[in-house]
Amino acid sequence: MTMVRTVRTHWRLALLPLGFAIIVYGDVLFRDGRRGVGQFVFLGGWVVAISGMPALTRYLKANHLREGVLKIFVILSMVGSLAVPGPIVGLVKVIDGTAQPVNYRQAALSLSLIYIALTILSRIAEPKDHVLERLTSRIQRAAIFRVLANVTGIFAVVAFLGARFVATHPVPLISTGLTLVVGAAVVTHKTFARARKLCTQIHTGTQTLLRDLDELDRARSRTTASRSKPWILRLRGERESGGGHGDEQMAVLRTWDAVKLGLSTPVDTGYRRVGLPFLTDEVVAGIEEKVRAAVGGASAGPARADLLAIQRACSERVDILA
């Protein structure tokens, strides 16, 4: 019943991807020479897509976390409507055996645009608000967009080689293309393995940090309890414990330094300029402030809440063998 109710409420959202598909199909017809039909289908696709916008507005307002995803959807939809038809036309002609070098060049250009959009624009469009609440989807988007970018980049190289050598060296081109396709599969595996490995490392580090904070709280509780004892017993207890909580405080700070490195590491690639960091610098700085405040004597509750949110986001991707 819940599924039926959800479909009845949000079925108009399907008009957006349907309209996008019609737009792409109209562009394909236009590029294939059927200009009149292509223009009609293209405009009809925009009408269908615009008809779904009110449903999208209601859907986004129902949850504050959904609004930040709209920018990603709009940017990628605009790029897709311009760049996707070229590779589709080229693929159809390759299957029909009528592909010409110009079709390969058009496909290479379109795939290159998609690669740039997924590499640069997707990071720019990534929501900057409620980062911890969005962390699970943030990790997922980073890995998926990186895989799509790598695959489109590799196929752009294949299309470029096709434009250059399909007429003169078709057999070596086929073997080279298959090698690049295998390379795309390997890159895909490494990207998801990197995300799992990083999540495992951060999950382990945050667990250690939480335990260090607990140990610091217990040490302070023992000190508070000892203050009610006679001064001779209190002095003896301080000498036995080393007097103060320096060891526990240093343990928290050392563990935080290790966790901080993971939180600042890109999820999808080792190149920070094009990769998406696990958390933004502002969020990492805010968590560090809370941890240091807890070390200084303030409540550790705010720091624990952030660390537990990070753990929940990482728990589904823990893989000690990654």
C-alpha atoms as a PDB file:
ATOM      1  CA  MET A   1       0.000   0.000   0.000  1.00  0.00           C
ATOM      2  CA  THR A   2       2.874   2.375   0.762  1.00  0.00           C
ATOM      3  CA  MET A   3       4.318   1.821  -2.700  1.00  0.00           C
ATOM      4  CA  VAL A   4       0.960   2.438  -4.367  1.00  0.00           C
ATOM      5  CA  ARG A   5       0.444   5.624  -2.345  1.00  0.00           C
ATOM      6  CA  THR A   6       3.916   6.862  -3.285  1.00  0.00           C
ATOM      7  CA  VAL A   7       3.307   6.201  -6.985  1.00  0.00           C
ATOM      8  CA  ARG A   8      -0.027   8.013  -6.880  1.00  0.00           C
ATOM      9  CA  THR A   9       1.575  11.001  -5.190  1.00  0.00           C
ATOM     10  CA  HIS A  10       4.695  11.361  -7.303  1.00  0.00           C
ATOM     11  CA  TRP A  11       3.882   9.737 -10.663  1.00  0.00           C
ATOM     12  CA  ARG A  12       4.129  13.090 -12.429  1.00  0.00           C
ATOM     13  CA  LEU A  13       7.862  13.123 -11.652  1.00  0.00           C
ATOM     14  CA  ALA A  14       8.184  10.543 -14.433  1.00  0.00           C
ATOM     15  CA  LEU A  15       7.349  13.320 -16.912  1.00  0.00           C
ATOM     16  CA  LEU A  16      10.832  14.808 -16.374  1.00  0.00           C
ATOM     17  CA  PRO A  17      12.941  11.802 -17.466  1.00  0.00           C
ATOM     18  CA  LEU A  18      10.334  10.973 -20.128  1.00  0.00           C
ATOM     19  CA  GLY A  19      10.561  14.499 -21.504  1.00  0.00           C
ATOM     20  CA  PHE A  20      14.352  14.331 -21.401  1.00  0.00           C
ATOM     21  CA  ALA A  21      14.301  11.060 -23.365  1.00  0.00           C
ATOM     22  CA  ILE A  22      11.960  12.601 -25.960  1.00  0.00           C
ATOM     23  CA  ILE A  23      14.245  15.647 -26.271  1.00  0.00           C
ATOM     24  CA  VAL A  24      17.241  13.419 -26.900  1.00  0.00           C
ATOM     25  CA  TYR A  25      15.293  11.348 -29.441  1.00  0.00           C
ATOM     26  CA  GLY A  26      14.170  14.478 -31.261  1.00  0.00           C
ATOM     27  CA  ASP A  27      17.752  15.702 -31.425  1.00  0.00           C
ATOM     28  CA  VAL A  28      18.828  12.306 -32.766  1.00  0.00           C
ATOM     29  CA  LEU A  29      16.194  12.533 -35.524  1.00  0.00           C
ATOM     30  CA  PHE A  30      17.283  16.080 -36.358  1.00  0.00           C
ATOM     31  CA  ARG A  31      20.943  15.079 -36.678  1.00  0.00           C
ATOM     32  CA  ASP A  32      19.975  12.060 -38.736  1.00  0.00           C
ATOM     33  CA  GLY A  33      18.438  14.281 -41.434  1.00  0.00           C
ATOM     34  CA  ARG A  34      14.751  14.152 -40.456  1.00  0.00           C
ATOM     35  CA  ARG A  35      14.678  17.778 -39.415  1.00  0.00           C
ATOM     36  CA  GLY A  36      10.927  18.445 -39.454  1.00  0.00           C
ATOM     37  CA  VAL A  37       9.995  15.422 -37.364  1.00  0.00           C
ATOM     38  CA  GLY A  38      13.026  15.973 -35.132  1.00  0.00           C
ATOM     39  CA  GLN A  39      12.036  19.567 -34.329  1.00  0.00           C
ATOM     40  CA  PHE A  40       8.471  18.539 -33.549  1.00  0.00           C
ATOM     41  CA  VAL A  41       9.590  15.714 -31.242  1.00  0.00           C
ATOM     42  CA  PHE A  42      12.212  17.979 -29.639  1.00  0.00           C
ATOM     43  CA  LEU A  43       9.674  20.678 -28.762  1.00  0.00           C
ATOM     44  CA  GLY A  44       7.185  18.049 -27.577  1.00  0.00           C
ATOM     45  CA  GLY A  45       9.842  16.717 -25.208  1.00  0.00           C
ATOM     46  CA  TRP A  46      10.279  20.148 -23.652  1.00  0.00           C
ATOM     47  CA  VAL A  47       6.503  20.438 -23.178  1.00  0.00           C
ATOM     48  CA  VAL A  48       6.407  17.076 -21.401  1.00  0.00           C
ATOM     49  CA  ALA A  49       9.424  17.955 -19.233  1.00  0.00           C
ATOM     50  CA  ILE A  50       8.038  21.360 -18.238  1.00  0.00           C
ATOM     51  CA  SER A  51       4.729  19.697 -17.319  1.00  0.00           C
ATOM     52  CA  GLY A  52       6.595  17.733 -14.653  1.00  0.00           C
ATOM     53  CA  MET A  53       8.218  20.790 -13.034  1.00  0.00           C
ATOM     54  CA  PRO A  54       5.336  21.534 -10.583  1.00  0.00           C
ATOM     55  CA  ALA A  55       5.520  17.951  -9.307  1.00  0.00           C
ATOM     56  CA  LEU A  56       9.287  18.336  -8.906  1.00  0.00           C
ATOM     57  CA  THR A  57       8.805  21.557  -6.923  1.00  0.00           C
ATOM     58  CA  ARG A  58       6.396  19.869  -4.513  1.00  0.00           C
ATOM     59  CA  TYR A  59       8.708  16.873  -4.169  1.00  0.00           C
ATOM     60  CA  LEU A  60      11.705  19.054  -3.319  1.00  0.00           C
ATOM     61  CA  LYS A  61       9.850  21.159  -0.759  1.00  0.00           C
ATOM     62  CA  ALA A  62       8.748  18.019   1.098  1.00  0.00           C
ATOM     63  CA  ASN A  63      12.326  17.449   2.301  1.00  0.00           C
ATOM     64  CA  HIS A  64      14.947  20.162   2.791  1.00  0.00           C
ATOM     65  CA  LEU A  65      17.706  17.761   1.737  1.00  0.00           C
ATOM     66  CA  ARG A  66      16.211  17.356  -1.721  1.00  0.00           C
ATOM     67  CA  GLU A  67      16.520  21.000  -2.707  1.00  0.00           C
ATOM     68  CA  GLY A  68      20.306  20.863  -2.955  1.00  0.00           C
ATOM     69  CA  VAL A  69      20.142  18.059  -5.516  1.00  0.00           C
ATOM     70  CA  LEU A  70      18.107  20.199  -7.932  1.00  0.00           C
ATOM     71  CA  LYS A  71      21.175  22.133  -9.095  1.00  0.00           C
ATOM     72  CA  ILE A  72      22.972  18.901  -9.959  1.00  0.00           C
ATOM     73  CA  PHE A  73      19.922  17.640 -11.853  1.00  0.00           C
ATOM     74  CA  VAL A  74      19.508  20.862 -13.851  1.00  0.00           C
ATOM     75  CA  ILE A  75      23.181  21.163 -14.826  1.00  0.00           C
ATOM     76  CA  LEU A  76      23.583  17.535 -15.848  1.00  0.00           C
ATOM     77  CA  SER A  77      20.248  17.567 -17.714  1.00  0.00           C
ATOM     78  CA  MET A  78      21.294  20.592 -19.758  1.00  0.00           C
ATOM     79  CA  VAL A  79      24.653  19.056 -20.588  1.00  0.00           C
ATOM     80  CA  GLY A  80      23.036  15.707 -21.354  1.00  0.00           C
ATOM     81  CA  SER A  81      20.445  17.186 -23.724  1.00  0.00           C
ATOM     82  CA  LEU A  82      23.261  18.776 -25.726  1.00  0.00           C
ATOM     83  CA  ALA A  83      25.901  16.054 -25.567  1.00  0.00           C
ATOM     84  CA  VAL A  84      24.097  12.700 -25.399  1.00  0.00           C
ATOM     85  CA  PRO A  85      22.517  12.645 -28.908  1.00  0.00           C
ATOM     86  CA  GLY A  86      25.898  12.691 -30.670  1.00  0.00           C
ATOM     87  CA  PRO A  87      27.167   9.387 -29.214  1.00  0.00           C
ATOM     88  CA  ILE A  88      23.728   7.791 -29.715  1.00  0.00           C
ATOM     89  CA  VAL A  89      23.724   8.689 -33.426  1.00  0.00           C
ATOM     90  CA  GLY A  90      27.280   7.404 -33.775  1.00  0.00           C
ATOM     91  CA  LEU A  91      26.430   4.132 -32.009  1.00  0.00           C
ATOM     92  CA  VAL A  92      23.383   3.559 -34.207  1.00  0.00           C
ATOM     93  CA  LYS A  93      25.435   4.113 -37.345  1.00  0.00           C
ATOM     94  CA  VAL A  94      28.188   1.813 -36.069  1.00  0.00           C
ATOM     95  CA  ILE A  95      25.610  -0.931 -35.516  1.00  0.00           C
ATOM     96  CA  ASP A  96      24.134  -0.328 -38.996  1.00  0.00           C
ATOM     97  CA  GLY A  97      27.599  -0.333 -40.557  1.00  0.00           C
ATOM     98  CA  THR A  98      27.123   3.151 -42.040  1.00  0.00           C
ATOM     99  CA  ALA A  99      29.332   5.107 -39.629  1.00  0.00           C
ATOM    100  CA  GLN A 100      31.649   7.682 -41.184  1.00  0.00           C
ATOM    101  CA  PRO A 101      34.661   9.471 -39.626  1.00  0.00           C
ATOM    102  CA  VAL A 102      32.495  12.559 -39.058  1.00  0.00           C
ATOM    103  CA  ASN A 103      30.166  10.517 -36.834  1.00  0.00           C
ATOM    104  CA  TYR A 104      33.105   9.375 -34.730  1.00  0.00           C
ATOM    105  CA  ARG A 105      34.331  12.953 -34.403  1.00  0.00           C
ATOM    106  CA  GLN A 106      30.906  14.157 -33.265  1.00  0.00           C
ATOM    107  CA  ALA A 107      30.707  11.340 -30.725  1.00  0.00           C
ATOM    108  CA  ALA A 108      34.229  12.111 -29.443  1.00  0.00           C
ATOM    109  CA  LEU A 109      33.355  15.789 -28.971  1.00  0.00           C
ATOM    110  CA  SER A 110      30.100  15.002 -27.162  1.00  0.00           C
ATOM    111  CA  LEU A 111      31.728  12.422 -24.876  1.00  0.00           C
ATOM    112  CA  SER A 112      34.499  14.904 -24.073  1.00  0.00           C
ATOM    113  CA  LEU A 113      31.890  17.469 -23.022  1.00  0.00           C
ATOM    114  CA  ILE A 114      30.206  14.897 -20.785  1.00  0.00           C
ATOM    115  CA  TYR A 115      33.568  14.014 -19.237  1.00  0.00           C
ATOM    116  CA  ILE A 116      34.291  17.672 -18.451  1.00  0.00           C
ATOM    117  CA  ALA A 117      30.804  18.191 -17.014  1.00  0.00           C
ATOM    118  CA  LEU A 118      31.010  15.140 -14.758  1.00  0.00           C
ATOM    119  CA  THR A 119      34.538  16.013 -13.640  1.00  0.00           C
ATOM    120  CA  ILE A 120      34.149  19.735 -12.961  1.00  0.00           C
ATOM    121  CA  LEU A 121      30.493  20.804 -12.947  1.00  0.00           C
ATOM    122  CA  SER A 122      29.310  17.949 -10.749  1.00  0.00           C
ATOM    123  CA  ARG A 123      31.749  19.027  -8.016  1.00  0.00           C
ATOM    124  CA  ILE A 124      30.725  22.679  -8.339  1.00  0.00           C
ATOM    125  CA  ALA A 125      27.050  21.730  -8.143  1.00  0.00           C
ATOM    126  CA  GLU A 126      27.512  19.481  -5.087  1.00  0.00           C
ATOM    127  CA  PRO A 127      25.324  20.832  -2.228  1.00  0.00           C
ATOM    128  CA  LYS A 128      27.275  22.705   0.436  1.00  0.00           C
ATOM    129  CA  ASP A 129      24.557  22.677   3.116  1.00  0.00           C
ATOM    130  CA  HIS A 130      23.658  19.844   5.520  1.00  0.00           C
ATOM    131  CA  VAL A 131      26.808  17.991   4.435  1.00  0.00           C
ATOM    132  CA  LEU A 132      26.716  15.448   7.267  1.00  0.00           C
ATOM    133  CA  GLU A 133      23.067  14.645   6.607  1.00  0.00           C
ATOM    134  CA  ARG A 134      23.819  14.224   2.907  1.00  0.00           C
ATOM    135  CA  LEU A 135      27.026  12.275   3.500  1.00  0.00           C
ATOM    136  CA  THR A 136      25.723   8.888   2.374  1.00  0.00           C
ATOM    137  CA  SER A 137      24.470  10.258  -0.944  1.00  0.00           C
ATOM    138  CA  ARG A 138      27.572  12.485  -1.247  1.00  0.00           C
ATOM    139  CA  ILE A 139      29.850   9.429  -1.180  1.00  0.00           C
ATOM    140  CA  GLN A 140      27.613   7.597  -3.638  1.00  0.00           C
ATOM    141  CA  ARG A 141      27.467  10.532  -6.061  1.00  0.00           C
ATOM    142  CA  ALA A 142      31.230  11.015  -5.942  1.00  0.00           C
ATOM    143  CA  ALA A 143      31.915   7.387  -6.875  1.00  0.00           C
ATOM    144  CA  ILE A 144      29.205   7.154  -9.550  1.00  0.00           C
ATOM    145  CA  PHE A 145      30.079  10.451 -11.244  1.00  0.00           C
ATOM    146  CA  ARG A 146      33.764   9.523 -11.265  1.00  0.00           C
ATOM    147  CA  VAL A 147      33.001   6.152 -12.862  1.00  0.00           C
ATOM    148  CA  LEU A 148      30.772   7.767 -15.492  1.00  0.00           C
ATOM    149  CA  ALA A 149      33.406  10.413 -16.181  1.00  0.00           C
ATOM    150  CA  ASN A 150      36.157   7.818 -16.594  1.00  0.00           C
ATOM    151  CA  VAL A 151      34.023   5.637 -18.858  1.00  0.00           C
ATOM    152  CA  THR A 152      32.952   8.551 -21.066  1.00  0.00           C
ATOM    153  CA  GLY A 153      36.549   9.770 -21.233  1.00  0.00           C
ATOM    154  CA  ILE A 154      37.772   6.354 -22.355  1.00  0.00           C
ATOM    155  CA  PHE A 155      35.022   6.053 -24.956  1.00  0.00           C
ATOM    156  CA  ALA A 156      35.868   9.564 -26.165  1.00  0.00           C
ATOM    157  CA  VAL A 157      39.385   8.279 -26.870  1.00  0.00           C
ATOM    158  CA  VAL A 158      37.892   5.274 -28.676  1.00  0.00           C
ATOM    159  CA  ALA A 159      35.718   7.567 -30.814  1.00  0.00           C
ATOM    160  CA  PHE A 160      38.682   9.830 -31.587  1.00  0.00           C
ATOM    161  CA  LEU A 161      40.750   6.844 -32.702  1.00  0.00           C
ATOM    162  CA  GLY A 162      37.795   5.667 -34.786  1.00  0.00           C
ATOM    163  CA  ALA A 163      37.608   9.013 -36.575  1.00  0.00           C
ATOM    164  CA  ARG A 164      41.296   8.783 -37.375  1.00  0.00           C
ATOM    165  CA  PHE A 165      41.856   5.111 -38.198  1.00  0.00           C
ATOM    166  CA  VAL A 166      38.507   3.425 -38.969  1.00  0.00           C
ATOM    167  CA  ALA A 167      39.030   3.755 -42.726  1.00  0.00           C
ATOM    168  CA  THR A 168      42.702   2.737 -42.805  1.00  0.00           C
ATOM    169  CA  HIS A 169      43.293   0.373 -39.855  1.00  0.00           C
ATOM    170  CA  PRO A 170      39.942  -1.126 -38.774  1.00  0.00           C
ATOM    171  CA  VAL A 171      41.304  -4.385 -37.289  1.00  0.00           C
ATOM    172  CA  PRO A 172      43.914  -2.827 -34.930  1.00  0.00           C
ATOM    173  CA  LEU A 173      41.280  -0.243 -33.968  1.00  0.00           C
ATOM    174  CA  ILE A 174      38.913  -3.012 -32.799  1.00  0.00           C
ATOM    175  CA  SER A 175      41.566  -4.605 -30.578  1.00  0.00           C
ATOM    176  CA  THR A 176      42.577  -1.206 -29.200  1.00  0.00           C
ATOM    177  CA  GLY A 177      38.940  -0.368 -28.455  1.00  0.00           C
ATOM    178  CA  LEU A 178      38.406  -3.646 -26.617  1.00  0.00           C
ATOM    179  CA  THR A 179      41.544  -3.005 -24.557  1.00  0.00           C
ATOM    180  CA  LEU A 180      40.228   0.407 -23.555  1.00  0.00           C
ATOM    181  CA  VAL A 181      36.853  -1.095 -22.618  1.00  0.00           C
ATOM    182  CA  VAL A 182      38.627  -3.557 -20.310  1.00  0.00           C
ATOM    183  CA  GLY A 183      40.536  -0.594 -18.891  1.00  0.00           C
ATOM    184  CA  ALA A 184      37.220   1.142 -18.167  1.00  0.00           C
ATOM    185  CA  ALA A 185      36.066  -1.906 -16.188  1.00  0.00           C
ATOM    186  CA  VAL A 186      39.306  -1.910 -14.174  1.00  0.00           C
ATOM    187  CA  VAL A 187      39.029   1.817 -13.439  1.00  0.00           C
ATOM    188  CA  THR A 188      35.427   1.337 -12.325  1.00  0.00           C
ATOM    189  CA  HIS A 189      36.448  -1.385  -9.874  1.00  0.00           C
ATOM    190  CA  LYS A 190      39.283   0.732  -8.463  1.00  0.00           C
ATOM    191  CA  THR A 191      37.031   3.736  -7.943  1.00  0.00           C
ATOM    192  CA  PHE A 192      34.486   1.841  -5.854  1.00  0.00           C
ATOM    193  CA  ALA A 193      37.284  -0.001  -4.022  1.00  0.00           C
ATOM    194  CA  ARG A 194      38.846   3.367  -3.129  1.00  0.00           C
ATOM    195  CA  ALA A 195      35.545   4.605  -1.713  1.00  0.00           C
ATOM    196  CA  ARG A 196      35.110   1.440   0.376  1.00  0.00           C
ATOM    197  CA  LYS A 197      38.686   1.579   1.653  1.00  0.00           C
ATOM    198  CA  LEU A 198      38.374   5.230   2.663  1.00  0.00           C
ATOM    199  CA  CYS A 199      35.046   4.595   4.419  1.00  0.00           C
ATOM    200  CA  THR A 200      36.561   1.639   6.287  1.00  0.00           C
ATOM    201  CA  GLN A 201      39.524   3.719   7.425  1.00  0.00           C
ATOM    202  CA  ILE A 202      37.340   6.610   8.578  1.00  0.00           C
ATOM    203  CA  HIS A 203      34.903   4.278  10.347  1.00  0.00           C
ATOM    204  CA  THR A 204      37.770   2.671  12.271  1.00  0.00           C
ATOM    205  CA  GLY A 205      39.305   6.023  13.149  1.00  0.00           C
ATOM    206  CA  THR A 206      36.057   7.564  14.379  1.00  0.00           C
ATOM    207  CA  GLN A 207      35.374   4.483  16.516  1.00  0.00           C
ATOM    208  CA  THR A 208      38.794   4.867  18.160  1.00  0.00           C
ATOM    209  CA  LEU A 209      38.196   8.580  18.649  1.00  0.00           C
ATOM    210  CA  LEU A 210      34.844   7.951  20.328  1.00  0.00           C
ATOM    211  CA  ARG A 211      36.476   5.499  22.715  1.00  0.00           C
ATOM    212  CA  ASP A 212      39.240   7.990  23.498  1.00  0.00           C
ATOM    213  CA  LEU A 213      36.598  10.605  24.299  1.00  0.00           C
ATOM    214  CA  ASP A 214      34.855   8.109  26.575  1.00  0.00           C
ATOM    215  CA  GLU A 215      38.127   7.399  28.357  1.00  0.00           C
ATOM    216  CA  LEU A 216      38.724  11.121  28.839  1.00  0.00           C
ATOM    217  CA  ASP A 217      35.228  11.503  30.325  1.00  0.00           C
ATOM    218  CA  ARG A 218      35.850   8.594  32.718  1.00  0.00           C
ATOM    219  CA  ALA A 219      39.152  10.103  33.827  1.00  0.00           C
ATOM    220  CA  ARG A 220      37.439  13.402  34.563  1.00  0.00           C
ATOM    221  CA  SER A 221      34.666  11.611  36.442  1.00  0.00           C
ATOM    222  CA  ARG A 222      37.245   9.885  38.634  1.00  0.00           C
ATOM    223  CA  THR A 223      38.874  13.245  39.338  1.00  0.00           C
ATOM    224  CA  THR A 224      35.531  14.773  40.279  1.00  0.00           C
ATOM    225  CA  ALA A 225      34.769  11.872  42.611  1.00  0.00           C
ATOM    226  CA  SER A 226      38.177  12.130  44.265  1.00  0.00           C
ATOM    227  CA  ARG A 227      37.613  15.774  45.196  1.00  0.00           C
ATOM    228  CA  SER A 228      35.132  14.683  47.838  1.00  0.00           C
ATOM    229  CA  LYS A 229      37.797  12.580  49.590  1.00  0.00           C
ATOM    230  CA  PRO A 230      40.138  13.838  52.381  1.00  0.00           C
ATOM    231  CA  TRP A 231      43.112  15.765  51.062  1.00  0.00           C
ATOM    232  CA  ILE A 232      45.632  13.040  51.981  1.00  0.00           C
ATOM    233  CA  LEU A 233      43.758  10.417  49.964  1.00  0.00           C
ATOM    234  CA  ARG A 234      43.198  12.891  47.149  1.00  0.00           C
ATOM    235  CA  LEU A 235      46.917  13.686  46.960  1.00  0.00           C
ATOM    236  CA  ARG A 236      47.811  10.003  46.949  1.00  0.00           C
ATOM    237  CA  GLY A 237      45.321   9.350  44.117  1.00  0.00           C
ATOM    238  CA  GLU A 238      46.725  12.186  42.017  1.00  0.00           C
ATOM    239  CA  ARG A 239      50.259  10.833  42.436  1.00  0.00           C
ATOM    240  CA  GLU A 240      49.181   7.347  41.422  1.00  0.00           C
ATOM    241  CA  SER A 241      47.312   8.608  38.349  1.00  0.00           C
ATOM    242  CA  GLY A 242      50.050  10.996  37.306  1.00  0.00           C
ATOM    243  CA  GLY A 243      48.052  14.082  38.210  1.00  0.00           C
ATOM    244  CA  GLY A 244      45.746  15.395  35.429  1.00  0.00           C
ATOM    245  CA  HIS A 245      44.421  14.029  32.133  1.00  0.00           C
ATOM    246  CA  GLY A 246      47.296  14.789  29.792  1.00  0.00           C
ATOM    247  CA  ASP A 247      47.574  11.238  28.477  1.00  0.00           C
ATOM    248  CA  GLU A 248      43.874  10.981  27.665  1.00  0.00           C
ATOM    249  CA  GLN A 249      43.848  14.414  26.046  1.00  0.00           C
ATOM    250  CA  MET A 250      46.858  13.616  23.861  1.00  0.00           C
ATOM    251  CA  ALA A 251      45.269  10.318  22.839  1.00  0.00           C
ATOM    252  CA  VAL A 252      42.162  12.173  21.617  1.00  0.00           C
ATOM    253  CA  LEU A 253      44.231  14.708  19.682  1.00  0.00           C
ATOM    254  CA  ARG A 254      46.433  12.061  18.074  1.00  0.00           C
ATOM    255  CA  THR A 255      43.417  10.045  16.959  1.00  0.00           C
ATOM    256  CA  TRP A 256      41.723  13.170  15.633  1.00  0.00           C
ATOM    257  CA  ASP A 257      44.791  14.030  13.536  1.00  0.00           C
ATOM    258  CA  ALA A 258      44.532  10.625  11.836  1.00  0.00           C
ATOM    259  CA  VAL A 259      40.759  10.954  11.315  1.00  0.00           C
ATOM    260  CA  LYS A 260      41.134  14.462   9.924  1.00  0.00           C
ATOM    261  CA  LEU A 261      43.409  13.218   7.143  1.00  0.00           C
ATOM    262  CA  GLY A 262      40.714  10.780   6.021  1.00  0.00           C
ATOM    263  CA  LEU A 263      37.935  13.380   6.185  1.00  0.00           C
ATOM    264  CA  SER A 264      39.933  15.682   3.886  1.00  0.00           C
ATOM    265  CA  THR A 265      40.769  12.936   1.356  1.00  0.00           C
ATOM    266  CA  PRO A 266      38.858  12.847  -1.969  1.00  0.00           C
ATOM    267  CA  VAL A 267      36.458   9.936  -2.241  1.00  0.00           C
ATOM    268  CA  ASP A 268      36.739   9.289  -5.962  1.00  0.00           C
ATOM    269  CA  THR A 269      40.318  10.070  -7.003  1.00  0.00           C
ATOM    270  CA  GLY A 270      43.719  10.907  -5.597  1.00  0.00           C
ATOM    271  CA  TYR A 271      43.790  14.222  -7.461  1.00  0.00           C
ATOM    272  CA  ARG A 272      42.371  16.749  -5.034  1.00  0.00           C
ATOM    273  CA  ARG A 273      41.741  19.462  -7.623  1.00  0.00           C
ATOM    274  CA  VAL A 274      39.222  17.321  -9.488  1.00  0.00           C
ATOM    275  CA  GLY A 275      38.148  14.952  -6.709  1.00  0.00           C
ATOM    276  CA  LEU A 276      35.344  15.420  -4.200  1.00  0.00           C
ATOM    277  CA  PRO A 277      36.635  15.460  -0.591  1.00  0.00           C
ATOM    278  CA  PHE A 278      34.897  13.212   1.892  1.00  0.00           C
ATOM    279  CA  LEU A 279      33.786  16.356   3.762  1.00  0.00           C
ATOM    280  CA  THR A 280      34.159  20.033   2.961  1.00  0.00           C
ATOM    281  CA  ASP A 281      36.921  22.008   4.678  1.00  0.00           C
ATOM    282  CA  GLU A 282      34.335  24.020   6.612  1.00  0.00           C
ATOM    283  CA  VAL A 283      32.694  20.914   8.073  1.00  0.00           C
ATOM    284  CA  VAL A 284      36.064  19.390   9.005  1.00  0.00           C
ATOM    285  CA  ALA A 285      37.063  22.633  10.733  1.00  0.00           C
ATOM    286  CA  GLY A 286      33.761  22.644  12.650  1.00  0.00           C
ATOM    287  CA  ILE A 287      34.252  19.070  13.869  1.00  0.00           C
ATOM    288  CA  GLU A 288      37.837  19.853  14.893  1.00  0.00           C
ATOM    289  CA  GLU A 289      36.623  22.807  16.925  1.00  0.00           C
ATOM    290  CA  LYS A 290      34.147  20.573  18.754  1.00  0.00           C
ATOM    291  CA  VAL A 291      36.784  17.909  19.439  1.00  0.00           C
ATOM    292  CA  ARG A 292      39.273  20.438  20.781  1.00  0.00           C
ATOM    293  CA  ALA A 293      36.544  21.988  22.919  1.00  0.00           C
ATOM    294  CA  ALA A 294      35.861  18.537  24.388  1.00  0.00           C
ATOM    295  CA  VAL A 295      39.568  18.125  25.120  1.00  0.00           C
ATOM    296  CA  GLY A 296      39.567  21.516  26.803  1.00  0.00           C
ATOM    297  CA  GLY A 297      36.798  20.527  29.186  1.00  0.00           C
ATOM    298  CA  ALA A 298      33.559  21.258  27.321  1.00  0.00           C
ATOM    299  CA  SER A 299      30.875  18.663  26.650  1.00  0.00           C
ATOM    300  CA  ALA A 300      31.839  16.007  24.114  1.00  0.00           C
ATOM    301  CA  GLY A 301      28.217  15.622  22.992  1.00  0.00           C
ATOM    302  CA  PRO A 302      28.434  17.806  19.841  1.00  0.00           C
ATOM    303  CA  ALA A 303      31.622  16.067  18.694  1.00  0.00           C
ATOM    304  CA  ARG A 304      30.100  12.641  19.349  1.00  0.00           C
ATOM    305  CA  ALA A 305      26.993  13.514  17.318  1.00  0.00           C
ATOM    306  CA  ASP A 306      29.081  14.456  14.271  1.00  0.00           C
ATOM    307  CA  LEU A 307      31.323  11.396  14.594  1.00  0.00           C
ATOM    308  CA  LEU A 308      28.321   9.076  14.888  1.00  0.00           C
ATOM    309  CA  ALA A 309      26.798  10.650  11.754  1.00  0.00           C
ATOM    310  CA  ILE A 310      30.034   9.939   9.890  1.00  0.00           C
ATOM    311  CA  GLN A 311      30.033   6.362  11.150  1.00  0.00           C
ATOM    312  CA  ARG A 312      26.465   5.789   9.978  1.00  0.00           C
ATOM    313  CA  ALA A 313      27.350   7.047   6.498  1.00  0.00           C
ATOM    314  CA  CYS A 314      30.403   4.761   6.329  1.00  0.00           C
ATOM    315  CA  SER A 315      28.840   1.658   7.867  1.00  0.00           C
ATOM    316  CA  GLU A 316      27.286   0.415   4.600  1.00  0.00           C
ATOM    317  CA  ARG A 317      30.652   0.582   2.808  1.00  0.00           C
ATOM    318  CA  VAL A 318      32.937  -0.985   5.401  1.00  0.00           C
ATOM    319  CA  ASP A 319      35.191  -3.542   3.720  1.00  0.00           C
ATOM    320  CA  ILE A 320      38.324  -4.568   5.611  1.00  0.00           C
ATOM    321  CA  LEU A 321      39.585  -6.421   2.504  1.00  0.00           C
ATOM    322  CA  ALA A 322      39.271  -3.452   0.119  1.00  0.00           C
END
